[in-house]
Amino acid sequence: MVDKIILQNSSGAFLMNNDKYLLMLRSPTREIAPNIWSLVGGHMENNEINDPMETCFREIMEETGIQRENIFDLKLRYIIIRQYKNIVRQNYIYFGKTNITEVFDTEEGTLHWIQEKELLNKVYTKTYTEMMKHYIETPDPMERIIVGIAGKHKNKLKMDWSILEDFE
């Protein structure tokens, strides 16, 4: 049993341009998930705690140089929740479009435009691997918000997926 729980919120996006998705290959020097493919994003600042989309726009700008006015149809599609030791991590994941293809790299990693058919061939964190499988294999034309809760079954990751919706 854990005595004290710490909450860690983050937000990020998978941006599309035509049929390609912008992914980051995280730097080998990163403390968390080095050499792993990921979205563009990061931790929420204190003033963003109730506005994950603002975090998303800020992180996109910081990590790619893409300005807010060049991002379209940005929609929250997934909320992934998992516990790691005494930390509950909650990730807000957006999907959107951009008309920009020129991006810059940061010390966080290198950016790459990846064809949709190649998305499942990349190595992500375990929870992002499951999310990408769900995204590709379970298309949702209504583009609803899907919540994934990471748990364990037979000592392996088990994701439980639910549609977030108003019950009234």
N, C-alpha and C. Protein backbone atom coordinates (compact mmCIF):
# COMPACT_ATOMS: atom_id res chain seq x y z
N MET A 1 0.83 -1.19 0.00
CA MET A 1 0.00 0.00 0.00
C MET A 1 0.88 1.26 0.00
N VAL A 2 0.46 2.26 -0.75
CA VAL A 2 1.21 3.50 -0.89
C VAL A 2 0.65 4.53 0.08
N ASP A 3 1.54 5.18 0.86
CA ASP A 3 1.08 6.16 1.84
C ASP A 3 0.68 7.48 1.20
N LYS A 4 1.49 7.96 0.29
CA LYS A 4 1.24 9.26 -0.31
C LYS A 4 1.23 9.13 -1.83
N ILE A 5 0.18 9.65 -2.44
CA ILE A 5 0.05 9.62 -3.90
C ILE A 5 0.36 11.00 -4.45
N ILE A 6 1.18 11.03 -5.48
CA ILE A 6 1.52 12.27 -6.18
C ILE A 6 0.83 12.23 -7.54
N LEU A 7 0.20 13.33 -7.93
CA LEU A 7 -0.44 13.41 -9.24
C LEU A 7 0.50 14.08 -10.23
N GLN A 8 0.59 13.51 -11.41
CA GLN A 8 1.43 14.06 -12.47
C GLN A 8 0.59 14.13 -13.74
N ASN A 9 0.35 15.35 -14.21
CA ASN A 9 -0.48 15.56 -15.39
C ASN A 9 0.38 16.00 -16.56
N SER A 10 0.08 15.47 -17.72
CA SER A 10 0.79 15.87 -18.93
C SER A 10 -0.18 15.91 -20.10
N SER A 11 0.27 16.53 -21.16
CA SER A 11 -0.58 16.70 -22.33
C SER A 11 0.30 16.74 -23.56
N GLY A 12 -0.23 16.23 -24.67
CA GLY A 12 0.52 16.27 -25.90
C GLY A 12 -0.35 15.91 -27.08
N ALA A 13 0.27 15.90 -28.26
CA ALA A 13 -0.51 15.68 -29.48
C ALA A 13 0.24 14.86 -30.51
N PHE A 14 -0.55 14.16 -31.29
CA PHE A 14 -0.11 13.56 -32.53
C PHE A 14 -0.69 14.46 -33.62
N LEU A 15 0.18 15.16 -34.33
CA LEU A 15 -0.26 16.05 -35.40
C LEU A 15 -0.12 15.34 -36.75
N MET A 16 -1.10 15.57 -37.61
CA MET A 16 -1.09 14.97 -38.94
C MET A 16 -0.90 16.06 -39.99
N ASN A 17 -0.19 15.68 -41.04
CA ASN A 17 -0.08 16.51 -42.23
C ASN A 17 -0.24 15.53 -43.39
N ASN A 18 -1.36 15.68 -44.12
CA ASN A 18 -1.75 14.71 -45.14
C ASN A 18 -1.87 13.35 -44.48
N ASP A 19 -1.12 12.37 -44.91
CA ASP A 19 -1.26 11.02 -44.34
C ASP A 19 -0.09 10.66 -43.41
N LYS A 20 0.59 11.67 -42.90
CA LYS A 20 1.72 11.42 -42.00
C LYS A 20 1.47 12.02 -40.62
N TYR A 21 2.03 11.37 -39.61
CA TYR A 21 1.91 11.79 -38.22
C TYR A 21 3.28 12.26 -37.73
N LEU A 22 3.28 13.33 -36.95
CA LEU A 22 4.52 13.83 -36.37
C LEU A 22 4.78 13.09 -35.06
N LEU A 23 5.91 12.39 -35.02
CA LEU A 23 6.33 11.66 -33.82
C LEU A 23 7.71 12.15 -33.40
N MET A 24 7.99 12.00 -32.12
CA MET A 24 9.31 12.32 -31.60
C MET A 24 9.99 11.03 -31.16
N LEU A 25 11.22 10.87 -31.63
CA LEU A 25 12.08 9.81 -31.11
C LEU A 25 12.86 10.44 -29.97
N ARG A 26 12.54 10.03 -28.75
CA ARG A 26 13.12 10.66 -27.57
C ARG A 26 14.63 10.43 -27.52
N SER A 27 15.33 11.44 -27.07
CA SER A 27 16.78 11.42 -27.00
C SER A 27 17.26 10.27 -26.11
N PRO A 28 18.42 9.69 -26.43
CA PRO A 28 18.96 8.63 -25.57
C PRO A 28 19.39 9.14 -24.20
N THR A 29 19.49 10.46 -24.04
CA THR A 29 19.90 11.01 -22.75
C THR A 29 18.71 11.33 -21.84
N ARG A 30 17.48 11.12 -22.31
CA ARG A 30 16.30 11.41 -21.49
C ARG A 30 16.22 10.43 -20.32
N GLU A 31 15.87 10.93 -19.16
CA GLU A 31 15.76 10.08 -17.97
C GLU A 31 14.58 9.11 -18.11
N ILE A 32 13.47 9.62 -18.61
CA ILE A 32 12.27 8.79 -18.78
C ILE A 32 12.14 8.41 -20.26
N ALA A 33 12.00 7.15 -20.53
CA ALA A 33 11.75 6.60 -21.86
C ALA A 33 12.76 7.05 -22.92
N PRO A 34 14.05 6.85 -22.69
CA PRO A 34 15.03 7.20 -23.73
C PRO A 34 14.87 6.29 -24.94
N ASN A 35 15.14 6.84 -26.13
CA ASN A 35 15.08 6.08 -27.39
C ASN A 35 13.72 5.46 -27.67
N ILE A 36 12.68 6.07 -27.16
CA ILE A 36 11.31 5.58 -27.36
C ILE A 36 10.56 6.60 -28.21
N TRP A 37 9.68 6.13 -29.08
CA TRP A 37 8.85 7.01 -29.88
C TRP A 37 7.71 7.56 -29.03
N SER A 38 7.35 8.80 -29.29
CA SER A 38 6.31 9.43 -28.49
C SER A 38 5.63 10.53 -29.28
N LEU A 39 4.65 11.12 -28.65
CA LEU A 39 3.99 12.30 -29.20
C LEU A 39 4.81 13.53 -28.85
N VAL A 40 4.35 14.68 -29.26
CA VAL A 40 4.96 15.95 -28.87
C VAL A 40 4.17 16.43 -27.65
N GLY A 41 4.84 16.62 -26.53
CA GLY A 41 4.10 17.04 -25.34
C GLY A 41 4.97 17.03 -24.11
N GLY A 42 4.32 17.28 -22.98
CA GLY A 42 5.05 17.31 -21.72
C GLY A 42 4.17 17.63 -20.54
N HIS A 43 4.81 17.93 -19.44
CA HIS A 43 4.11 18.15 -18.17
C HIS A 43 3.38 19.49 -18.16
N MET A 44 2.26 19.49 -17.45
CA MET A 44 1.49 20.73 -17.27
C MET A 44 2.18 21.64 -16.28
N GLU A 45 2.16 22.92 -16.58
CA GLU A 45 2.61 23.94 -15.64
C GLU A 45 1.48 24.19 -14.64
N ASN A 46 1.80 24.77 -13.48
CA ASN A 46 0.78 25.02 -12.46
C ASN A 46 -0.41 25.81 -12.99
N ASN A 47 -0.16 26.80 -13.83
CA ASN A 47 -1.26 27.63 -14.35
C ASN A 47 -2.05 26.93 -15.45
N GLU A 48 -1.64 25.73 -15.87
CA GLU A 48 -2.33 24.99 -16.93
C GLU A 48 -3.11 23.79 -16.40
N ILE A 49 -3.11 23.57 -15.12
CA ILE A 49 -3.63 22.33 -14.55
C ILE A 49 -5.09 22.05 -14.94
N ASN A 50 -5.86 23.07 -15.21
CA ASN A 50 -7.25 22.88 -15.63
C ASN A 50 -7.44 23.11 -17.13
N ASP A 51 -6.35 23.16 -17.88
CA ASP A 51 -6.43 23.45 -19.31
C ASP A 51 -5.37 22.65 -20.07
N PRO A 52 -5.60 21.32 -20.23
CA PRO A 52 -4.59 20.50 -20.90
C PRO A 52 -4.35 20.91 -22.36
N MET A 53 -5.34 21.55 -23.00
CA MET A 53 -5.13 21.99 -24.37
C MET A 53 -4.09 23.10 -24.42
N GLU A 54 -4.08 23.97 -23.43
CA GLU A 54 -3.08 25.03 -23.37
C GLU A 54 -1.67 24.42 -23.24
N THR A 55 -1.54 23.40 -22.41
CA THR A 55 -0.27 22.69 -22.29
C THR A 55 0.14 22.12 -23.64
N CYS A 56 -0.82 21.54 -24.33
CA CYS A 56 -0.57 20.93 -25.62
C CYS A 56 -0.03 21.96 -26.61
N PHE A 57 -0.69 23.11 -26.73
CA PHE A 57 -0.22 24.17 -27.64
C PHE A 57 1.18 24.65 -27.26
N ARG A 58 1.42 24.84 -25.96
CA ARG A 58 2.74 25.31 -25.50
C ARG A 58 3.82 24.30 -25.84
N GLU A 59 3.56 23.04 -25.55
CA GLU A 59 4.56 22.00 -25.80
C GLU A 59 4.83 21.84 -27.30
N ILE A 60 3.80 21.93 -28.12
CA ILE A 60 4.00 21.84 -29.57
C ILE A 60 4.92 22.96 -30.03
N MET A 61 4.66 24.17 -29.56
CA MET A 61 5.49 25.31 -29.94
C MET A 61 6.94 25.12 -29.47
N GLU A 62 7.12 24.71 -28.21
CA GLU A 62 8.46 24.55 -27.65
C GLU A 62 9.26 23.45 -28.35
N GLU A 63 8.58 22.36 -28.72
CA GLU A 63 9.29 21.19 -29.23
C GLU A 63 9.36 21.11 -30.75
N THR A 64 8.52 21.90 -31.46
CA THR A 64 8.50 21.79 -32.92
C THR A 64 8.63 23.13 -33.63
N GLY A 65 8.24 24.22 -32.95
CA GLY A 65 8.20 25.53 -33.58
C GLY A 65 6.87 25.80 -34.29
N ILE A 66 5.95 24.84 -34.27
CA ILE A 66 4.66 25.04 -34.93
C ILE A 66 3.79 25.95 -34.06
N GLN A 67 3.33 27.04 -34.66
CA GLN A 67 2.49 28.02 -33.96
C GLN A 67 1.03 27.55 -33.90
N ARG A 68 0.32 28.03 -32.90
CA ARG A 68 -1.08 27.70 -32.68
C ARG A 68 -1.94 27.91 -33.93
N GLU A 69 -1.67 29.00 -34.68
CA GLU A 69 -2.49 29.30 -35.85
C GLU A 69 -2.28 28.31 -37.00
N ASN A 70 -1.27 27.43 -36.87
CA ASN A 70 -1.02 26.41 -37.88
C ASN A 70 -1.47 25.03 -37.44
N ILE A 71 -2.29 24.99 -36.39
CA ILE A 71 -2.83 23.74 -35.87
C ILE A 71 -4.35 23.80 -36.02
N PHE A 72 -4.92 22.72 -36.57
CA PHE A 72 -6.35 22.68 -36.85
C PHE A 72 -6.98 21.41 -36.29
N ASP A 73 -8.25 21.51 -35.98
CA ASP A 73 -9.03 20.34 -35.54
C ASP A 73 -8.37 19.58 -34.40
N LEU A 74 -7.74 20.31 -33.48
CA LEU A 74 -7.11 19.67 -32.33
C LEU A 74 -8.20 19.20 -31.37
N LYS A 75 -8.26 17.88 -31.16
CA LYS A 75 -9.31 17.31 -30.32
C LYS A 75 -8.72 16.34 -29.31
N LEU A 76 -9.22 16.43 -28.10
CA LEU A 76 -8.84 15.47 -27.07
C LEU A 76 -9.45 14.13 -27.45
N ARG A 77 -8.62 13.11 -27.60
CA ARG A 77 -9.11 11.79 -28.01
C ARG A 77 -8.90 10.73 -26.95
N TYR A 78 -7.82 10.85 -26.16
CA TYR A 78 -7.52 9.84 -25.15
C TYR A 78 -7.08 10.51 -23.85
N ILE A 79 -7.50 9.90 -22.76
CA ILE A 79 -6.94 10.19 -21.44
C ILE A 79 -6.43 8.86 -20.93
N ILE A 80 -5.14 8.79 -20.68
CA ILE A 80 -4.52 7.56 -20.20
C ILE A 80 -4.14 7.77 -18.73
N ILE A 81 -4.57 6.84 -17.89
CA ILE A 81 -4.29 6.93 -16.45
C ILE A 81 -3.56 5.67 -16.03
N ARG A 82 -2.45 5.89 -15.32
CA ARG A 82 -1.70 4.75 -14.80
C ARG A 82 -1.04 5.13 -13.50
N GLN A 83 -0.72 4.13 -12.72
CA GLN A 83 0.04 4.36 -11.49
C GLN A 83 1.44 3.81 -11.69
N TYR A 84 2.43 4.60 -11.28
CA TYR A 84 3.82 4.17 -11.27
C TYR A 84 4.36 4.46 -9.88
N LYS A 85 4.56 3.41 -9.10
CA LYS A 85 4.95 3.53 -7.70
C LYS A 85 3.92 4.41 -6.98
N ASN A 86 4.33 5.57 -6.45
CA ASN A 86 3.37 6.42 -5.74
C ASN A 86 2.88 7.59 -6.61
N ILE A 87 3.10 7.50 -7.92
CA ILE A 87 2.69 8.57 -8.83
C ILE A 87 1.52 8.09 -9.68
N VAL A 88 0.46 8.88 -9.71
CA VAL A 88 -0.64 8.63 -10.63
C VAL A 88 -0.43 9.57 -11.80
N ARG A 89 -0.18 8.99 -12.96
CA ARG A 89 0.07 9.77 -14.18
C ARG A 89 -1.20 9.83 -15.01
N GLN A 90 -1.56 11.04 -15.37
CA GLN A 90 -2.74 11.25 -16.20
C GLN A 90 -2.29 12.02 -17.45
N ASN A 91 -2.43 11.39 -18.61
CA ASN A 91 -1.98 11.97 -19.86
C ASN A 91 -3.18 12.31 -20.75
N TYR A 92 -3.25 13.56 -21.18
CA TYR A 92 -4.29 14.03 -22.10
C TYR A 92 -3.68 14.03 -23.50
N ILE A 93 -4.25 13.23 -24.39
CA ILE A 93 -3.67 13.04 -25.70
C ILE A 93 -4.62 13.56 -26.77
N TYR A 94 -4.11 14.51 -27.53
CA TYR A 94 -4.88 15.16 -28.59
C TYR A 94 -4.41 14.65 -29.95
N PHE A 95 -5.30 14.71 -30.92
CA PHE A 95 -4.97 14.47 -32.31
C PHE A 95 -5.42 15.70 -33.08
N GLY A 96 -4.61 16.14 -34.01
CA GLY A 96 -4.95 17.32 -34.79
C GLY A 96 -4.21 17.35 -36.10
N LYS A 97 -4.36 18.43 -36.82
CA LYS A 97 -3.74 18.60 -38.13
C LYS A 97 -2.90 19.87 -38.15
N THR A 98 -1.93 19.88 -39.03
CA THR A 98 -1.13 21.08 -39.24
C THR A 98 -0.80 21.21 -40.72
N ASN A 99 -0.60 22.45 -41.14
CA ASN A 99 -0.20 22.70 -42.52
C ASN A 99 1.31 22.92 -42.62
N ILE A 100 2.01 22.68 -41.54
CA ILE A 100 3.46 22.88 -41.46
C ILE A 100 4.16 21.52 -41.53
N THR A 101 5.24 21.45 -42.29
CA THR A 101 6.05 20.22 -42.31
C THR A 101 7.46 20.46 -41.80
N GLU A 102 7.91 21.72 -41.84
CA GLU A 102 9.25 22.05 -41.35
C GLU A 102 9.21 22.22 -39.84
N VAL A 103 9.94 21.38 -39.12
CA VAL A 103 9.99 21.44 -37.67
C VAL A 103 11.46 21.40 -37.25
N PHE A 104 11.71 21.80 -36.01
CA PHE A 104 13.08 21.72 -35.52
C PHE A 104 13.16 20.69 -34.40
N ASP A 105 14.36 20.24 -34.12
CA ASP A 105 14.58 19.27 -33.06
C ASP A 105 15.05 20.00 -31.80
N THR A 106 14.74 19.42 -30.67
CA THR A 106 15.18 19.96 -29.40
C THR A 106 16.06 18.92 -28.71
N GLU A 107 16.55 19.25 -27.53
CA GLU A 107 17.33 18.28 -26.77
C GLU A 107 16.47 17.11 -26.31
N GLU A 108 15.16 17.25 -26.44
CA GLU A 108 14.25 16.18 -26.02
C GLU A 108 14.24 15.02 -27.01
N GLY A 109 14.55 15.29 -28.29
CA GLY A 109 14.55 14.23 -29.28
C GLY A 109 14.50 14.76 -30.70
N THR A 110 14.34 13.84 -31.63
CA THR A 110 14.26 14.21 -33.05
C THR A 110 12.84 13.96 -33.55
N LEU A 111 12.40 14.83 -34.44
CA LEU A 111 11.04 14.76 -34.96
C LEU A 111 11.03 14.10 -36.33
N HIS A 112 10.00 13.29 -36.56
CA HIS A 112 9.89 12.54 -37.81
C HIS A 112 8.43 12.50 -38.25
N TRP A 113 8.20 12.60 -39.55
CA TRP A 113 6.87 12.43 -40.12
C TRP A 113 6.75 10.96 -40.53
N ILE A 114 5.76 10.28 -39.95
CA ILE A 114 5.61 8.83 -40.11
C ILE A 114 4.26 8.52 -40.78
N GLN A 115 4.30 7.63 -41.77
CA GLN A 115 3.07 7.18 -42.42
C GLN A 115 2.19 6.42 -41.42
N GLU A 116 0.87 6.56 -41.55
CA GLU A 116 -0.04 5.88 -40.63
C GLU A 116 0.21 4.38 -40.58
N LYS A 117 0.48 3.77 -41.74
CA LYS A 117 0.69 2.32 -41.78
C LYS A 117 1.94 1.90 -41.00
N GLU A 118 2.83 2.86 -40.67
CA GLU A 118 4.05 2.56 -39.92
C GLU A 118 3.91 2.82 -38.42
N LEU A 119 2.79 3.40 -38.00
CA LEU A 119 2.64 3.79 -36.59
C LEU A 119 2.80 2.61 -35.63
N LEU A 120 2.26 1.47 -35.98
CA LEU A 120 2.33 0.32 -35.07
C LEU A 120 3.67 -0.38 -35.10
N ASN A 121 4.57 0.05 -35.98
CA ASN A 121 5.91 -0.56 -36.06
C ASN A 121 6.93 0.17 -35.19
N LYS A 122 6.50 1.17 -34.44
CA LYS A 122 7.42 1.94 -33.60
C LYS A 122 7.36 1.43 -32.16
N VAL A 123 8.45 1.65 -31.42
CA VAL A 123 8.49 1.24 -30.02
C VAL A 123 8.12 2.45 -29.16
N TYR A 124 6.98 2.34 -28.47
CA TYR A 124 6.48 3.36 -27.57
C TYR A 124 6.56 2.82 -26.14
N THR A 125 6.16 3.66 -25.18
CA THR A 125 5.95 3.12 -23.83
C THR A 125 4.84 2.09 -23.93
N LYS A 126 4.70 1.27 -22.93
CA LYS A 126 3.67 0.20 -22.97
C LYS A 126 2.27 0.78 -23.10
N THR A 127 1.98 1.84 -22.35
CA THR A 127 0.62 2.39 -22.41
C THR A 127 0.36 3.06 -23.76
N TYR A 128 1.37 3.74 -24.32
CA TYR A 128 1.19 4.37 -25.64
C TYR A 128 1.09 3.32 -26.74
N THR A 129 1.79 2.18 -26.58
CA THR A 129 1.65 1.09 -27.55
C THR A 129 0.20 0.62 -27.58
N GLU A 130 -0.38 0.43 -26.41
CA GLU A 130 -1.78 -0.02 -26.36
C GLU A 130 -2.72 1.04 -26.91
N MET A 131 -2.44 2.31 -26.63
CA MET A 131 -3.28 3.39 -27.14
C MET A 131 -3.21 3.44 -28.67
N MET A 132 -2.00 3.32 -29.24
CA MET A 132 -1.87 3.37 -30.69
C MET A 132 -2.58 2.19 -31.33
N LYS A 133 -2.49 1.02 -30.74
CA LYS A 133 -3.24 -0.14 -31.26
C LYS A 133 -4.73 0.16 -31.25
N HIS A 134 -5.21 0.69 -30.14
CA HIS A 134 -6.63 1.01 -30.02
C HIS A 134 -7.04 2.04 -31.07
N TYR A 135 -6.23 3.07 -31.24
CA TYR A 135 -6.52 4.14 -32.19
C TYR A 135 -6.61 3.61 -33.63
N ILE A 136 -5.65 2.76 -34.01
CA ILE A 136 -5.60 2.24 -35.38
C ILE A 136 -6.64 1.14 -35.59
N GLU A 137 -6.79 0.26 -34.62
CA GLU A 137 -7.65 -0.91 -34.80
C GLU A 137 -9.11 -0.67 -34.45
N THR A 138 -9.41 0.42 -33.74
CA THR A 138 -10.78 0.71 -33.32
C THR A 138 -11.14 2.13 -33.71
N PRO A 139 -11.25 2.40 -35.00
CA PRO A 139 -11.56 3.78 -35.41
C PRO A 139 -12.90 4.23 -34.83
N ASP A 140 -12.96 5.48 -34.42
CA ASP A 140 -14.19 6.04 -33.85
C ASP A 140 -14.58 7.26 -34.68
N PRO A 141 -15.50 7.08 -35.64
CA PRO A 141 -15.88 8.21 -36.50
C PRO A 141 -16.48 9.38 -35.72
N MET A 142 -16.96 9.12 -34.51
CA MET A 142 -17.53 10.20 -33.70
C MET A 142 -16.44 10.96 -32.95
N GLU A 143 -15.21 10.44 -32.97
CA GLU A 143 -14.07 11.07 -32.32
C GLU A 143 -14.36 11.41 -30.86
N ARG A 144 -14.88 10.43 -30.15
CA ARG A 144 -15.18 10.62 -28.73
C ARG A 144 -13.91 10.53 -27.91
N ILE A 145 -14.00 10.96 -26.66
CA ILE A 145 -12.87 10.85 -25.74
C ILE A 145 -12.89 9.45 -25.15
N ILE A 146 -11.76 8.78 -25.27
CA ILE A 146 -11.60 7.42 -24.75
C ILE A 146 -10.66 7.49 -23.54
N VAL A 147 -11.08 6.87 -22.45
CA VAL A 147 -10.25 6.82 -21.25
C VAL A 147 -9.66 5.41 -21.15
N GLY A 148 -8.35 5.35 -21.00
CA GLY A 148 -7.67 4.08 -20.81
C GLY A 148 -7.08 4.03 -19.41
N ILE A 149 -7.46 3.00 -18.67
CA ILE A 149 -6.93 2.80 -17.32
C ILE A 149 -5.96 1.63 -17.38
N ALA A 150 -4.72 1.89 -17.00
CA ALA A 150 -3.70 0.84 -17.02
C ALA A 150 -3.79 0.03 -15.73
N GLY A 151 -3.87 -1.25 -15.90
CA GLY A 151 -3.88 -2.16 -14.76
C GLY A 151 -3.03 -3.37 -15.08
N LYS A 152 -3.19 -4.39 -14.28
CA LYS A 152 -2.36 -5.58 -14.44
C LYS A 152 -3.25 -6.82 -14.42
N HIS A 153 -2.96 -7.73 -15.33
CA HIS A 153 -3.63 -9.04 -15.36
C HIS A 153 -2.57 -10.08 -15.69
N LYS A 154 -2.39 -11.04 -14.81
CA LYS A 154 -1.38 -12.08 -14.98
C LYS A 154 0.00 -11.47 -15.22
N ASN A 155 0.31 -10.47 -14.41
CA ASN A 155 1.61 -9.78 -14.45
C ASN A 155 1.92 -9.09 -15.78
N LYS A 156 0.90 -8.75 -16.53
CA LYS A 156 1.08 -8.01 -17.78
C LYS A 156 0.15 -6.81 -17.77
N LEU A 157 0.53 -5.81 -18.56
CA LEU A 157 -0.32 -4.63 -18.71
C LEU A 157 -1.66 -5.03 -19.29
N LYS A 158 -2.71 -4.50 -18.68
CA LYS A 158 -4.06 -4.67 -19.20
C LYS A 158 -4.69 -3.29 -19.22
N MET A 159 -5.11 -2.86 -20.41
CA MET A 159 -5.77 -1.56 -20.55
C MET A 159 -7.27 -1.79 -20.60
N ASP A 160 -7.98 -1.05 -19.77
CA ASP A 160 -9.44 -1.04 -19.82
C ASP A 160 -9.85 0.26 -20.49
N TRP A 161 -10.64 0.16 -21.57
CA TRP A 161 -11.05 1.31 -22.36
C TRP A 161 -12.52 1.63 -22.10
N SER A 162 -12.81 2.90 -21.93
CA SER A 162 -14.19 3.37 -21.76
C SER A 162 -14.37 4.67 -22.52
N ILE A 163 -15.57 4.88 -23.00
CA ILE A 163 -15.91 6.15 -23.65
C ILE A 163 -16.34 7.11 -22.55
N LEU A 164 -15.75 8.28 -22.54
CA LEU A 164 -16.13 9.31 -21.58
C LEU A 164 -17.32 10.06 -22.14
N GLU A 165 -18.43 10.02 -21.43
CA GLU A 165 -19.62 10.72 -21.90
C GLU A 165 -20.49 11.15 -20.73
N ASP A 166 -21.24 12.16 -20.95
CA ASP A 166 -22.19 12.66 -19.96
C ASP A 166 -23.32 11.65 -19.81
N PHE A 167 -23.57 11.20 -18.60
CA PHE A 167 -24.61 10.19 -18.40
C PHE A 167 -26.00 10.78 -18.23
N GLU A 168 -26.11 12.11 -18.22
CA GLU A 168 -27.43 12.73 -18.06
C GLU A 168 -27.97 13.23 -19.37
